[in-house]
Amino acid sequence: MAGNLLSDGEWGKRRGEFLPSDSDRDFIESLMKPQSEPGAFASWIASPKVGIDNKPGDFEYVKIA
């Protein structure tokens, strides 16, 4: 796109080209599973090379009761 503004009608016809679909949203939500195991990281992020204050990756930063 060359940076041209779209009319309301054109936007209405083409919004599916610019915005995620319901199936896109479902796919992203399927990836985002919570992780609370010490030393484990959520699947959608990379583990850090080093922990906070150079602590190891399996350091218990938060205690979950």
PDB file of N, CA and C in Angstrom:
ATOM      1  N   MET A   1       0.849  -1.173   0.000  1.00  0.00           N
ATOM      2  CA  MET A   1       0.000   0.000   0.000  1.00  0.00           C
ATOM      3  C   MET A   1       0.898   1.241   0.000  1.00  0.00           C
ATOM      4  N   ALA A   2       0.470   2.235  -0.655  1.00  0.00           N
ATOM      5  CA  ALA A   2       1.285   3.435  -0.825  1.00  0.00           C
ATOM      6  C   ALA A   2       1.014   4.498   0.225  1.00  0.00           C
ATOM      7  N   GLY A   3       0.276   4.182   1.262  1.00  0.00           N
ATOM      8  CA  GLY A   3      -0.013   5.169   2.287  1.00  0.00           C
ATOM      9  C   GLY A   3      -1.218   6.028   1.971  1.00  0.00           C
ATOM     10  N   ASN A   4      -2.046   5.592   1.033  1.00  0.00           N
ATOM     11  CA  ASN A   4      -3.243   6.349   0.678  1.00  0.00           C
ATOM     12  C   ASN A   4      -4.365   6.051   1.665  1.00  0.00           C
ATOM     13  N   LEU A   5      -5.133   7.074   2.020  1.00  0.00           N
ATOM     14  CA  LEU A   5      -6.282   6.881   2.903  1.00  0.00           C
ATOM     15  C   LEU A   5      -7.386   6.146   2.152  1.00  0.00           C
ATOM     16  N   LEU A   6      -8.080   5.273   2.875  1.00  0.00           N
ATOM     17  CA  LEU A   6      -9.200   4.552   2.291  1.00  0.00           C
ATOM     18  C   LEU A   6     -10.500   5.234   2.686  1.00  0.00           C
ATOM     19  N   SER A   7     -11.461   5.188   1.795  1.00  0.00           N
ATOM     20  CA  SER A   7     -12.793   5.676   2.146  1.00  0.00           C
ATOM     21  C   SER A   7     -13.429   4.674   3.105  1.00  0.00           C
ATOM     22  N   ASP A   8     -14.498   5.095   3.760  1.00  0.00           N
ATOM     23  CA  ASP A   8     -15.192   4.182   4.680  1.00  0.00           C
ATOM     24  C   ASP A   8     -15.670   2.931   3.957  1.00  0.00           C
ATOM     25  N   GLY A   9     -16.186   3.113   2.748  1.00  0.00           N
ATOM     26  CA  GLY A   9     -16.665   1.970   1.969  1.00  0.00           C
ATOM     27  C   GLY A   9     -15.544   1.015   1.595  1.00  0.00           C
ATOM     28  N   GLU A  10     -14.418   1.567   1.150  1.00  0.00           N
ATOM     29  CA  GLU A  10     -13.262   0.738   0.778  1.00  0.00           C
ATOM     30  C   GLU A  10     -12.710   0.010   1.996  1.00  0.00           C
ATOM     31  N   TRP A  11     -12.636   0.715   3.119  1.00  0.00           N
ATOM     32  CA  TRP A  11     -12.177   0.083   4.361  1.00  0.00           C
ATOM     33  C   TRP A  11     -13.093  -1.081   4.734  1.00  0.00           C
ATOM     34  N   GLY A  12     -14.399  -0.860   4.648  1.00  0.00           N
ATOM     35  CA  GLY A  12     -15.362  -1.916   4.966  1.00  0.00           C
ATOM     36  C   GLY A  12     -15.183  -3.152   4.100  1.00  0.00           C
ATOM     37  N   LYS A  13     -14.880  -2.940   2.820  1.00  0.00           N
ATOM     38  CA  LYS A  13     -14.686  -4.063   1.890  1.00  0.00           C
ATOM     39  C   LYS A  13     -13.363  -4.789   2.138  1.00  0.00           C
ATOM     40  N   ARG A  14     -12.323  -4.058   2.558  1.00  0.00           N
ATOM     41  CA  ARG A  14     -10.974  -4.633   2.619  1.00  0.00           C
ATOM     42  C   ARG A  14     -10.430  -4.865   4.030  1.00  0.00           C
ATOM     43  N   ARG A  15     -11.238  -4.597   5.062  1.00  0.00           N
ATOM     44  CA  ARG A  15     -10.706  -4.686   6.421  1.00  0.00           C
ATOM     45  C   ARG A  15     -10.144  -6.073   6.757  1.00  0.00           C
ATOM     46  N   GLY A  16     -10.684  -7.119   6.118  1.00  0.00           N
ATOM     47  CA  GLY A  16     -10.169  -8.477   6.333  1.00  0.00           C
ATOM     48  C   GLY A  16      -8.735  -8.661   5.856  1.00  0.00           C
ATOM     49  N   GLU A  17      -8.296  -7.796   4.944  1.00  0.00           N
ATOM     50  CA  GLU A  17      -6.903  -7.852   4.474  1.00  0.00           C
ATOM     51  C   GLU A  17      -5.937  -7.294   5.515  1.00  0.00           C
ATOM     52  N   PHE A  18      -6.448  -6.439   6.397  1.00  0.00           N
ATOM     53  CA  PHE A  18      -5.582  -5.720   7.326  1.00  0.00           C
ATOM     54  C   PHE A  18      -5.659  -6.229   8.766  1.00  0.00           C
ATOM     55  N   LEU A  19      -6.774  -6.824   9.142  1.00  0.00           N
ATOM     56  CA  LEU A  19      -6.978  -7.253  10.526  1.00  0.00           C
ATOM     57  C   LEU A  19      -6.947  -8.773  10.633  1.00  0.00           C
ATOM     58  N   PRO A  20      -6.539  -9.313  11.789  1.00  0.00           N
ATOM     59  CA  PRO A  20      -6.537 -10.767  11.961  1.00  0.00           C
ATOM     60  C   PRO A  20      -7.959 -11.328  11.916  1.00  0.00           C
ATOM     61  N   SER A  21      -8.067 -12.531  11.415  1.00  0.00           N
ATOM     62  CA  SER A  21      -9.369 -13.202  11.341  1.00  0.00           C
ATOM     63  C   SER A  21      -9.660 -13.915  12.660  1.00  0.00           C
ATOM     64  N   ASP A  22     -10.870 -14.447  12.786  1.00  0.00           N
ATOM     65  CA  ASP A  22     -11.215 -15.224  13.987  1.00  0.00           C
ATOM     66  C   ASP A  22     -10.329 -16.457  14.098  1.00  0.00           C
ATOM     67  N   SER A  23     -10.000 -17.086  12.973  1.00  0.00           N
ATOM     68  CA  SER A  23      -9.132 -18.266  13.029  1.00  0.00           C
ATOM     69  C   SER A  23      -7.708 -17.878  13.430  1.00  0.00           C
ATOM     70  N   ASP A  24      -7.249 -16.700  13.023  1.00  0.00           N
ATOM     71  CA  ASP A  24      -5.942 -16.204  13.473  1.00  0.00           C
ATOM     72  C   ASP A  24      -5.946 -16.035  14.993  1.00  0.00           C
ATOM     73  N   ARG A  25      -7.000 -15.426  15.510  1.00  0.00           N
ATOM     74  CA  ARG A  25      -7.120 -15.200  16.958  1.00  0.00           C
ATOM     75  C   ARG A  25      -7.165 -16.532  17.715  1.00  0.00           C
ATOM     76  N   ASP A  26      -7.925 -17.504  17.194  1.00  0.00           N
ATOM     77  CA  ASP A  26      -8.007 -18.818  17.836  1.00  0.00           C
ATOM     78  C   ASP A  26      -6.641 -19.490  17.864  1.00  0.00           C
ATOM     79  N   PHE A  27      -5.885 -19.379  16.772  1.00  0.00           N
ATOM     80  CA  PHE A  27      -4.554 -19.978  16.714  1.00  0.00           C
ATOM     81  C   PHE A  27      -3.624 -19.349  17.757  1.00  0.00           C
ATOM     82  N   ILE A  28      -3.611 -18.030  17.845  1.00  0.00           N
ATOM     83  CA  ILE A  28      -2.760 -17.343  18.819  1.00  0.00           C
ATOM     84  C   ILE A  28      -3.153 -17.735  20.238  1.00  0.00           C
ATOM     85  N   GLU A  29      -4.448 -17.780  20.523  1.00  0.00           N
ATOM     86  CA  GLU A  29      -4.899 -18.169  21.860  1.00  0.00           C
ATOM     87  C   GLU A  29      -4.523 -19.610  22.177  1.00  0.00           C
ATOM     88  N   SER A  30      -4.468 -20.486  21.171  1.00  0.00           N
ATOM     89  CA  SER A  30      -4.084 -21.881  21.408  1.00  0.00           C
ATOM     90  C   SER A  30      -2.606 -21.988  21.805  1.00  0.00           C
ATOM     91  N   LEU A  31      -1.792 -21.028  21.395  1.00  0.00           N
ATOM     92  CA  LEU A  31      -0.369 -21.034  21.736  1.00  0.00           C
ATOM     93  C   LEU A  31      -0.110 -20.529  23.149  1.00  0.00           C
ATOM     94  N   MET A  32      -0.960 -19.647  23.628  1.00  0.00           N
ATOM     95  CA  MET A  32      -0.698 -18.934  24.870  1.00  0.00           C
ATOM     96  C   MET A  32      -1.236 -19.704  26.077  1.00  0.00           C
ATOM     97  N   LYS A  33      -0.481 -20.694  26.514  1.00  0.00           N
ATOM     98  CA  LYS A  33      -0.830 -21.495  27.694  1.00  0.00           C
ATOM     99  C   LYS A  33       0.001 -20.993  28.868  1.00  0.00           C
ATOM    100  N   PRO A  34      -0.630 -20.802  30.021  1.00  0.00           N
ATOM    101  CA  PRO A  34       0.126 -20.321  31.178  1.00  0.00           C
ATOM    102  C   PRO A  34       1.163 -21.351  31.639  1.00  0.00           C
ATOM    103  N   GLN A  35       2.223 -20.868  32.239  1.00  0.00           N
ATOM    104  CA  GLN A  35       3.300 -21.729  32.749  1.00  0.00           C
ATOM    105  C   GLN A  35       3.681 -21.238  34.138  1.00  0.00           C
ATOM    106  N   SER A  36       3.601 -22.095  35.128  1.00  0.00           N
ATOM    107  CA  SER A  36       3.956 -21.684  36.492  1.00  0.00           C
ATOM    108  C   SER A  36       4.954 -22.632  37.145  1.00  0.00           C
ATOM    109  N   GLU A  37       5.507 -23.541  36.370  1.00  0.00           N
ATOM    110  CA  GLU A  37       6.504 -24.472  36.886  1.00  0.00           C
ATOM    111  C   GLU A  37       7.852 -23.771  37.028  1.00  0.00           C
ATOM    112  N   PRO A  38       8.530 -23.927  38.167  1.00  0.00           N
ATOM    113  CA  PRO A  38       9.849 -23.290  38.307  1.00  0.00           C
ATOM    114  C   PRO A  38      10.811 -23.753  37.207  1.00  0.00           C
ATOM    115  N   GLY A  39      11.506 -22.808  36.608  1.00  0.00           N
ATOM    116  CA  GLY A  39      12.483 -23.123  35.569  1.00  0.00           C
ATOM    117  C   GLY A  39      11.894 -23.309  34.186  1.00  0.00           C
ATOM    118  N   ALA A  40      10.568 -23.276  34.062  1.00  0.00           N
ATOM    119  CA  ALA A  40       9.920 -23.436  32.761  1.00  0.00           C
ATOM    120  C   ALA A  40       9.440 -22.073  32.262  1.00  0.00           C
ATOM    121  N   PHE A  41       9.346 -21.951  30.960  1.00  0.00           N
ATOM    122  CA  PHE A  41       8.922 -20.699  30.355  1.00  0.00           C
ATOM    123  C   PHE A  41       7.741 -20.953  29.433  1.00  0.00           C
ATOM    124  N   ALA A  42       6.899 -19.974  29.281  1.00  0.00           N
ATOM    125  CA  ALA A  42       5.758 -20.094  28.388  1.00  0.00           C
ATOM    126  C   ALA A  42       6.255 -20.390  26.978  1.00  0.00           C
ATOM    127  N   SER A  43       5.481 -21.174  26.239  1.00  0.00           N
ATOM    128  CA  SER A  43       5.934 -21.635  24.917  1.00  0.00           C
ATOM    129  C   SER A  43       6.047 -20.516  23.888  1.00  0.00           C
ATOM    130  N   TRP A  44       5.402 -19.389  24.125  1.00  0.00           N
ATOM    131  CA  TRP A  44       5.423 -18.321  23.117  1.00  0.00           C
ATOM    132  C   TRP A  44       6.556 -17.321  23.330  1.00  0.00           C
ATOM    133  N   ILE A  45       7.399 -17.539  24.353  1.00  0.00           N
ATOM    134  CA  ILE A  45       8.552 -16.664  24.562  1.00  0.00           C
ATOM    135  C   ILE A  45       9.825 -17.499  24.644  1.00  0.00           C
ATOM    136  N   ALA A  46      10.928 -16.904  24.341  1.00  0.00           N
ATOM    137  CA  ALA A  46      12.212 -17.581  24.462  1.00  0.00           C
ATOM    138  C   ALA A  46      12.717 -17.419  25.890  1.00  0.00           C
ATOM    139  N   SER A  47      13.396 -18.423  26.394  1.00  0.00           N
ATOM    140  CA  SER A  47      13.954 -18.303  27.736  1.00  0.00           C
ATOM    141  C   SER A  47      15.101 -17.290  27.712  1.00  0.00           C
ATOM    142  N   PRO A  48      15.258 -16.535  28.787  1.00  0.00           N
ATOM    143  CA  PRO A  48      16.324 -15.534  28.813  1.00  0.00           C
ATOM    144  C   PRO A  48      17.698 -16.195  28.922  1.00  0.00           C
ATOM    145  N   LYS A  49      18.711 -15.505  28.424  1.00  0.00           N
ATOM    146  CA  LYS A  49      20.078 -16.032  28.529  1.00  0.00           C
ATOM    147  C   LYS A  49      20.544 -16.037  29.976  1.00  0.00           C
ATOM    148  N   VAL A  50      20.091 -15.056  30.744  1.00  0.00           N
ATOM    149  CA  VAL A  50      20.464 -14.964  32.153  1.00  0.00           C
ATOM    150  C   VAL A  50      19.260 -14.415  32.907  1.00  0.00           C
ATOM    151  N   GLY A  51      19.108 -14.824  34.157  1.00  0.00           N
ATOM    152  CA  GLY A  51      17.979 -14.370  34.950  1.00  0.00           C
ATOM    153  C   GLY A  51      18.192 -12.968  35.511  1.00  0.00           C
ATOM    154  N   ILE A  52      17.184 -12.478  36.225  1.00  0.00           N
ATOM    155  CA  ILE A  52      17.268 -11.166  36.867  1.00  0.00           C
ATOM    156  C   ILE A  52      18.393 -11.185  37.894  1.00  0.00           C
ATOM    157  N   ASP A  53      19.204 -10.147  37.925  1.00  0.00           N
ATOM    158  CA  ASP A  53      20.358 -10.042  38.831  1.00  0.00           C
ATOM    159  C   ASP A  53      21.300 -11.238  38.709  1.00  0.00           C
ATOM    160  N   ASN A  54      21.452 -11.753  37.495  1.00  0.00           N
ATOM    161  CA  ASN A  54      22.324 -12.895  37.182  1.00  0.00           C
ATOM    162  C   ASN A  54      21.965 -14.159  37.957  1.00  0.00           C
ATOM    163  N   LYS A  55      20.724 -14.271  38.394  1.00  0.00           N
ATOM    164  CA  LYS A  55      20.269 -15.490  39.071  1.00  0.00           C
ATOM    165  C   LYS A  55      20.001 -16.549  38.001  1.00  0.00           C
ATOM    166  N   PRO A  56      20.037 -17.824  38.382  1.00  0.00           N
ATOM    167  CA  PRO A  56      19.787 -18.888  37.405  1.00  0.00           C
ATOM    168  C   PRO A  56      18.336 -18.864  36.917  1.00  0.00           C
ATOM    169  N   GLY A  57      18.098 -19.496  35.779  1.00  0.00           N
ATOM    170  CA  GLY A  57      16.764 -19.517  35.203  1.00  0.00           C
ATOM    171  C   GLY A  57      15.727 -20.204  36.058  1.00  0.00           C
ATOM    172  N   ASP A  58      16.162 -21.146  36.913  1.00  0.00           N
ATOM    173  CA  ASP A  58      15.182 -21.847  37.739  1.00  0.00           C
ATOM    174  C   ASP A  58      15.014 -21.211  39.125  1.00  0.00           C
ATOM    175  N   PHE A  59      15.555 -19.991  39.309  1.00  0.00           N
ATOM    176  CA  PHE A  59      15.412 -19.281  40.581  1.00  0.00           C
ATOM    177  C   PHE A  59      13.931 -18.961  40.813  1.00  0.00           C
ATOM    178  N   GLU A  60      13.441 -19.204  42.029  1.00  0.00           N
ATOM    179  CA  GLU A  60      12.033 -18.961  42.345  1.00  0.00           C
ATOM    180  C   GLU A  60      11.837 -17.487  42.689  1.00  0.00           C
ATOM    181  N   TYR A  61      11.526 -16.681  41.672  1.00  0.00           N
ATOM    182  CA  TYR A  61      11.332 -15.245  41.863  1.00  0.00           C
ATOM    183  C   TYR A  61      10.034 -14.950  42.595  1.00  0.00           C
ATOM    184  N   VAL A  62       9.022 -15.762  42.327  1.00  0.00           N
ATOM    185  CA  VAL A  62       7.698 -15.560  42.915  1.00  0.00           C
ATOM    186  C   VAL A  62       7.255 -16.872  43.538  1.00  0.00           C
ATOM    187  N   LYS A  63       6.794 -16.820  44.754  1.00  0.00           N
ATOM    188  CA  LYS A  63       6.262 -18.024  45.400  1.00  0.00           C
ATOM    189  C   LYS A  63       4.757 -18.042  45.193  1.00  0.00           C
ATOM    190  N   ILE A  64       4.286 -19.099  44.560  1.00  0.00           N
ATOM    191  CA  ILE A  64       2.850 -19.250  44.305  1.00  0.00           C
ATOM    192  C   ILE A  64       2.279 -20.135  45.398  1.00  0.00           C
ATOM    193  N   ALA A  65       1.376 -19.575  46.169  1.00  0.00           N
ATOM    194  CA  ALA A  65       0.780 -20.312  47.289  1.00  0.00           C
ATOM    195  C   ALA A  65      -0.279 -21.256  46.827  1.00  0.00           C
TER     196      ALA A  65
END
